C-alpha atoms as a PDB file:
ATOM      1  CA  MET A   1      16.498 -93.246 -82.938  1.00  0.00           C
ATOM      2  CA  ILE A   2      16.006 -97.072 -82.726  1.00  0.00           C
ATOM      3  CA  ASP A   3      17.440 -98.988 -85.765  1.00  0.00           C
ATOM      4  CA  ALA A   4      18.045 -95.843 -87.986  1.00  0.00           C
ATOM      5  CA  SER A   5      19.894 -96.454 -91.067  1.00  0.00           C
ATOM      6  CA  PRO A   6      23.280 -95.248 -91.475  1.00  0.00           C
ATOM      7  CA  ARG A   7      22.015 -92.318 -94.095  1.00  0.00           C
ATOM      8  CA  ALA A   8      19.259 -91.342 -91.486  1.00  0.00           C
ATOM      9  CA  LYS A   9      21.855 -91.223 -88.746  1.00  0.00           C
ATOM     10  CA  LEU A  10      23.988 -88.894 -91.142  1.00  0.00           C
ATOM     11  CA  LEU A  11      21.109 -87.068 -91.796  1.00  0.00           C
ATOM     12  CA  ASP A  12      20.115 -86.356 -88.491  1.00  0.00           C
ATOM     13  CA  ALA A  13      23.902 -85.413 -87.548  1.00  0.00           C
ATOM     14  CA  ALA A  14      23.964 -82.947 -90.434  1.00  0.00           C
ATOM     15  CA  ILE A  15      20.625 -81.231 -89.419  1.00  0.00           C
ATOM     16  CA  ASP A  16      22.101 -80.746 -85.811  1.00  0.00           C
ATOM     17  CA  HIS A  17      25.452 -79.811 -87.095  1.00  0.00           C
ATOM     18  CA  ILE A  18      24.088 -77.269 -89.624  1.00  0.00           C
ATOM     19  CA  ALA A  19      21.691 -75.979 -87.198  1.00  0.00           C
ATOM     20  CA  HIS A  20      24.553 -74.970 -84.767  1.00  0.00           C
ATOM     21  CA  HIS A  21      27.236 -74.180 -87.029  1.00  0.00           C
ATOM     22  CA  GLY A  22      25.829 -73.557 -90.551  1.00  0.00           C
ATOM     23  CA  GLY A  23      27.433 -75.669 -93.296  1.00  0.00           C
ATOM     24  CA  ALA A  24      26.589 -74.339 -96.859  1.00  0.00           C
ATOM     25  CA  GLY A  25      30.104 -72.476 -97.245  1.00  0.00           C
ATOM     26  CA  ARG A  26      32.231 -75.672 -95.859  1.00  0.00           C
ATOM     27  CA  SER A  27      33.438 -78.246 -98.392  1.00  0.00           C
ATOM     28  CA  LEU A  28      32.275 -81.833 -98.567  1.00  0.00           C
ATOM     29  CA  ARG A  29      35.305 -83.060 -96.841  1.00  0.00           C
ATOM     30  CA  ALA A  30      34.964 -80.464 -94.194  1.00  0.00           C
ATOM     31  CA  LEU A  31      31.252 -81.196 -93.533  1.00  0.00           C
ATOM     32  CA  ALA A  32      32.150 -84.849 -93.355  1.00  0.00           C
ATOM     33  CA  ALA A  33      34.728 -84.427 -90.895  1.00  0.00           C
ATOM     34  CA  ASP A  34      32.730 -82.540 -88.589  1.00  0.00           C
ATOM     35  CA  LEU A  35      30.173 -85.201 -88.999  1.00  0.00           C
ATOM     36  CA  GLY A  36      32.773 -87.895 -88.056  1.00  0.00           C
ATOM     37  CA  THR A  37      32.434 -89.455 -91.338  1.00  0.00           C
ATOM     38  CA  SER A  38      34.432 -89.574 -94.732  1.00  0.00           C
ATOM     39  CA  HIS A  39      33.433 -87.486 -97.776  1.00  0.00           C
ATOM     40  CA  ARG A  40      33.063 -90.891 -99.740  1.00  0.00           C
ATOM     41  CA  MET A  41      30.058 -91.914 -97.340  1.00  0.00           C
ATOM     42  CA  LEU A  42      28.240 -88.512 -97.724  1.00  0.00           C
ATOM     43  CA  ILE A  43      28.819 -89.082-101.509  1.00  0.00           C
ATOM     44  CA  TYR A  44      27.532 -92.505-101.266  1.00  0.00           C
ATOM     45  CA  HIS A  45      24.237 -91.634 -99.375  1.00  0.00           C
ATOM     46  CA  PHE A  46      23.647 -88.214-100.728  1.00  0.00           C
ATOM     47  CA  GLY A  47      25.396 -87.996-103.949  1.00  0.00           C
ATOM     48  CA  SER A  48      27.019 -84.504-103.357  1.00  0.00           C
ATOM     49  CA  LYS A  49      27.450 -81.814-100.923  1.00  0.00           C
ATOM     50  CA  GLU A  50      24.555 -80.192-102.689  1.00  0.00           C
ATOM     51  CA  GLY A  51      22.545 -83.480-102.214  1.00  0.00           C
ATOM     52  CA  LEU A  52      23.236 -83.421 -98.323  1.00  0.00           C
ATOM     53  CA  LEU A  53      22.468 -80.081 -98.146  1.00  0.00           C
ATOM     54  CA  THR A  54      19.096 -80.484-100.068  1.00  0.00           C
ATOM     55  CA  ALA A  55      18.502 -83.649 -97.858  1.00  0.00           C
ATOM     56  CA  VAL A  56      19.017 -81.436 -94.742  1.00  0.00           C
ATOM     57  CA  ALA A  57      16.598 -78.596 -95.886  1.00  0.00           C
ATOM     58  CA  ARG A  58      14.017 -80.998 -97.081  1.00  0.00           C
ATOM     59  CA  GLU A  59      14.068 -82.803 -93.822  1.00  0.00           C
ATOM     60  CA  VAL A  60      13.652 -79.890 -91.703  1.00  0.00           C
ATOM     61  CA  GLU A  61      10.890 -78.632 -93.977  1.00  0.00           C
ATOM     62  CA  ALA A  62       9.136 -82.169 -93.460  1.00  0.00           C
ATOM     63  CA  ARG A  63       9.740 -81.932 -89.720  1.00  0.00           C
ATOM     64  CA  GLN A  64       7.970 -78.386 -89.611  1.00  0.00           C
ATOM     65  CA  ARG A  65       5.023 -79.431 -92.107  1.00  0.00           C
ATOM     66  CA  ALA A  66       4.407 -82.184 -89.295  1.00  0.00           C
ATOM     67  CA  ALA A  67       4.602 -79.624 -86.396  1.00  0.00           C
ATOM     68  CA  LEU A  68       2.029 -77.579 -88.173  1.00  0.00           C
ATOM     69  CA  ALA A  69      -0.835 -79.866 -87.618  1.00  0.00           C
ATOM     70  CA  GLY A  70      -0.590 -79.748 -83.511  1.00  0.00           C
ATOM     71  CA  LEU A  71       0.274 -76.077 -82.974  1.00  0.00           C
ATOM     72  CA  ASP A  72      -1.801 -72.763 -83.599  1.00  0.00           C
ATOM     73  CA  PRO A  73      -0.809 -70.268 -85.989  1.00  0.00           C
ATOM     74  CA  ALA A  74       1.196 -67.964 -83.470  1.00  0.00           C
ATOM     75  CA  GLU A  75       2.998 -70.990 -81.661  1.00  0.00           C
ATOM     76  CA  PHE A  76       3.703 -72.332 -85.263  1.00  0.00           C
ATOM     77  CA  TRP A  77       5.512 -68.915 -86.291  1.00  0.00           C
ATOM     78  CA  ARG A  78       7.307 -68.817 -82.943  1.00  0.00           C
ATOM     79  CA  ARG A  79       8.722 -72.206 -83.808  1.00  0.00           C
ATOM     80  CA  LEU A  80       9.839 -71.360 -87.164  1.00  0.00           C
ATOM     81  CA  THR A  81      11.617 -68.010 -85.941  1.00  0.00           C
ATOM     82  CA  ASP A  82      13.257 -69.905 -83.385  1.00  0.00           C
ATOM     83  CA  ASP A  83      17.052 -68.881 -83.069  1.00  0.00           C
ATOM     84  CA  ASP A  84      18.038 -72.492 -83.239  1.00  0.00           C
ATOM     85  CA  LEU A  85      16.464 -72.821 -86.778  1.00  0.00           C
ATOM     86  CA  ARG A  86      18.340 -69.796 -88.221  1.00  0.00           C
ATOM     87  CA  ALA A  87      21.085 -71.494 -89.907  1.00  0.00           C
ATOM     88  CA  ASN A  88      18.592 -74.253 -91.518  1.00  0.00           C
ATOM     89  CA  GLU A  89      16.581 -71.310 -92.981  1.00  0.00           C
ATOM     90  CA  LYS A  90      19.550 -69.560 -94.116  1.00  0.00           C
ATOM     91  CA  LEU A  91      20.512 -72.749 -95.772  1.00  0.00           C
ATOM     92  CA  PHE A  92      16.690 -73.284 -97.223  1.00  0.00           C
ATOM     93  CA  PHE A  93      17.079 -69.654 -98.856  1.00  0.00           C
ATOM     94  CA  GLN A  94      20.471 -70.451-100.134  1.00  0.00           C
ATOM     95  CA  LEU A  95      19.669 -73.672-101.821  1.00  0.00           C
ATOM     96  CA  TYR A  96      16.346 -71.950-102.982  1.00  0.00           C
ATOM     97  CA  GLY A  97      18.575 -69.503-104.998  1.00  0.00           C
ATOM     98  CA  GLN A  98      20.907 -71.955-106.196  1.00  0.00           C
ATOM     99  CA  ALA A  99      18.058 -74.333-107.680  1.00  0.00           C
ATOM    100  CA  LEU A 100      16.488 -71.384-109.250  1.00  0.00           C
ATOM    101  CA  GLY A 101      19.978 -70.252-110.799  1.00  0.00           C
ATOM    102  CA  GLY A 102      20.363 -74.010-112.032  1.00  0.00           C
ATOM    103  CA  THR A 103      23.288 -74.800-109.659  1.00  0.00           C
ATOM    104  CA  PRO A 104      24.317 -78.210-110.515  1.00  0.00           C
ATOM    105  CA  GLY A 105      22.958 -80.920-107.753  1.00  0.00           C
ATOM    106  CA  THR A 106      20.224 -78.286-106.307  1.00  0.00           C
ATOM    107  CA  ALA A 107      17.077 -78.914-108.904  1.00  0.00           C
ATOM    108  CA  GLU A 108      15.615 -81.482-106.751  1.00  0.00           C
ATOM    109  CA  PHE A 109      15.308 -78.854-103.955  1.00  0.00           C
ATOM    110  CA  LEU A 110      12.635 -77.223-105.983  1.00  0.00           C
ATOM    111  CA  ASP A 111      10.359 -80.673-106.147  1.00  0.00           C
ATOM    112  CA  GLY A 112       7.554 -79.827-103.720  1.00  0.00           C
ATOM    113  CA  VAL A 113       8.690 -76.715-102.375  1.00  0.00           C
ATOM    114  CA  ILE A 114       5.686 -75.182-102.703  1.00  0.00           C
ATOM    115  CA  GLU A 115       3.212 -77.874-103.019  1.00  0.00           C
ATOM    116  CA  ASN A 116       4.274 -80.048-100.079  1.00  0.00           C
ATOM    117  CA  TRP A 117       2.997 -77.169 -98.034  1.00  0.00           C
ATOM    118  CA  LEU A 118      -0.232 -76.389 -99.522  1.00  0.00           C
ATOM    119  CA  GLY A 119      -2.120 -79.723 -98.134  1.00  0.00           C
ATOM    120  CA  PRO A 120      -1.206 -79.012 -94.493  1.00  0.00           C
ATOM    121  CA  ILE A 121      -1.668 -75.367 -94.725  1.00  0.00           C
ATOM    122  CA  GLU A 122      -5.280 -75.888 -96.140  1.00  0.00           C
ATOM    123  CA  ALA A 123      -6.086 -78.305 -93.454  1.00  0.00           C
ATOM    124  CA  ARG A 124      -4.823 -75.677 -91.009  1.00  0.00           C
ATOM    125  CA  LEU A 125      -7.154 -73.232 -92.598  1.00  0.00           C
ATOM    126  CA  ALA A 126      -9.968 -75.320 -92.503  1.00  0.00           C
ATOM    127  CA  GLN A 127      -9.663 -75.805 -88.539  1.00  0.00           C
ATOM    128  CA  LEU A 128      -9.671 -72.119 -88.505  1.00  0.00           C
ATOM    129  CA  GLY A 129     -13.127 -71.963 -90.593  1.00  0.00           C
ATOM    130  CA  VAL A 130     -11.831 -70.731 -93.678  1.00  0.00           C
ATOM    131  CA  PRO A 131     -14.156 -71.795 -96.474  1.00  0.00           C
ATOM    132  CA  ALA A 132     -13.243 -74.797 -98.802  1.00  0.00           C
ATOM    133  CA  ALA A 133     -13.304 -72.394-101.786  1.00  0.00           C
ATOM    134  CA  ASP A 134     -10.930 -70.086-100.361  1.00  0.00           C
ATOM    135  CA  ARG A 135      -8.332 -72.366 -98.785  1.00  0.00           C
ATOM    136  CA  PRO A 136      -6.194 -72.874-101.933  1.00  0.00           C
ATOM    137  CA  ALA A 137      -5.657 -69.046-102.252  1.00  0.00           C
ATOM    138  CA  HIS A 138      -5.126 -68.614 -98.622  1.00  0.00           C
ATOM    139  CA  ALA A 139      -2.621 -71.099 -98.268  1.00  0.00           C
ATOM    140  CA  ARG A 140      -0.344 -69.528-101.023  1.00  0.00           C
ATOM    141  CA  LEU A 141      -0.804 -66.425 -99.367  1.00  0.00           C
ATOM    142  CA  GLY A 142      -0.023 -67.839 -95.999  1.00  0.00           C
ATOM    143  CA  LEU A 143       2.985 -69.663 -97.177  1.00  0.00           C
ATOM    144  CA  ALA A 144       4.203 -66.470 -99.201  1.00  0.00           C
ATOM    145  CA  VAL A 145       3.816 -64.257 -96.067  1.00  0.00           C
ATOM    146  CA  ALA A 146       5.581 -66.847 -94.335  1.00  0.00           C
ATOM    147  CA  ARG A 147       8.660 -67.244 -96.133  1.00  0.00           C
ATOM    148  CA  GLY A 148       8.838 -63.581 -97.002  1.00  0.00           C
ATOM    149  CA  LEU A 149       8.974 -62.588 -93.286  1.00  0.00           C
ATOM    150  CA  LEU A 150      11.198 -65.444 -92.641  1.00  0.00           C
ATOM    151  CA  LEU A 151      13.412 -63.995 -95.502  1.00  0.00           C
ATOM    152  CA  ASP A 152      13.481 -60.721 -93.679  1.00  0.00           C
ATOM    153  CA  LEU A 153      14.455 -62.176 -90.507  1.00  0.00           C
ATOM    154  CA  VAL A 154      17.636 -64.174 -91.860  1.00  0.00           C
ATOM    155  CA  THR A 155      18.442 -60.687 -93.546  1.00  0.00           C
ATOM    156  CA  THR A 156      17.722 -58.261 -91.022  1.00  0.00           C
ATOM    157  CA  GLY A 157      17.651 -59.923 -87.866  1.00  0.00           C
ATOM    158  CA  ASP A 158      15.124 -57.711 -86.816  1.00  0.00           C
ATOM    159  CA  ARG A 159      12.809 -60.227 -84.972  1.00  0.00           C
ATOM    160  CA  GLU A 160      10.522 -57.336 -83.221  1.00  0.00           C
ATOM    161  CA  ALA A 161       9.354 -56.066 -86.965  1.00  0.00           C
ATOM    162  CA  VAL A 162       8.751 -59.372 -88.521  1.00  0.00           C
ATOM    163  CA  ASP A 163       7.006 -60.679 -85.403  1.00  0.00           C
ATOM    164  CA  ALA A 164       4.811 -57.524 -85.542  1.00  0.00           C
ATOM    165  CA  ALA A 165       4.012 -58.097 -89.266  1.00  0.00           C
ATOM    166  CA  MET A 166       2.914 -61.733 -88.659  1.00  0.00           C
ATOM    167  CA  GLU A 167       0.638 -60.716 -85.805  1.00  0.00           C
ATOM    168  CA  LYS A 168      -0.956 -58.457 -88.515  1.00  0.00           C
ATOM    169  CA  PHE A 169      -1.147 -61.107 -90.627  1.00  0.00           C
ATOM    170  CA  LEU A 170      -2.647 -63.726 -88.396  1.00  0.00           C
ATOM    171  CA  ALA A 171      -5.144 -61.062 -87.063  1.00  0.00           C
ATOM    172  CA  MET A 172      -6.881 -61.550 -90.440  1.00  0.00           C
ATOM    173  CA  TYR A 173      -7.921 -65.167 -89.425  1.00  0.00           C
ATOM    174  CA  GLU A 174      -9.089 -64.564 -85.961  1.00  0.00           C
ATOM    175  CA  ASN A 175     -12.402 -64.094 -87.253  1.00  0.00           C
ATOM    176  CA  PRO A 176     -12.682 -65.306 -91.137  1.00  0.00           C
END
């Protein structure tokens, strides 16, 4: 990364660290030590531990949305279910539950958590030939199915069953 801001460097380091070690259960001071910085720097850049974790989850989501346009649906699913993303997916669902439950510092997580995906999914559906009038409903359905199966995967670890379910879902779009 060329001339990245200190915040961007910390965010990248946090994304990498959480992907390999988790982080939601760690204190802000412990996360700071893991990242080679101080808890004060994390507070300065992210406001709180929850702010840091929210920034991590939002950035991972943004990177996944950017990848959606260039991959066919089966390739995108393989990317989403890659073992290297498992800790980030767990973090996503942990933050989702905390935000819905009103945990302080997590409300921002809900901003765009659905809406930010609908446009990119609708654009992909257009490429698959889904009629324009049907795209909004199909986009929400696709997002719900993907998130539900990801939750299943992080809960059960049953990759074979989750992949089989997604394969059945994607088959509905082979000849729209």
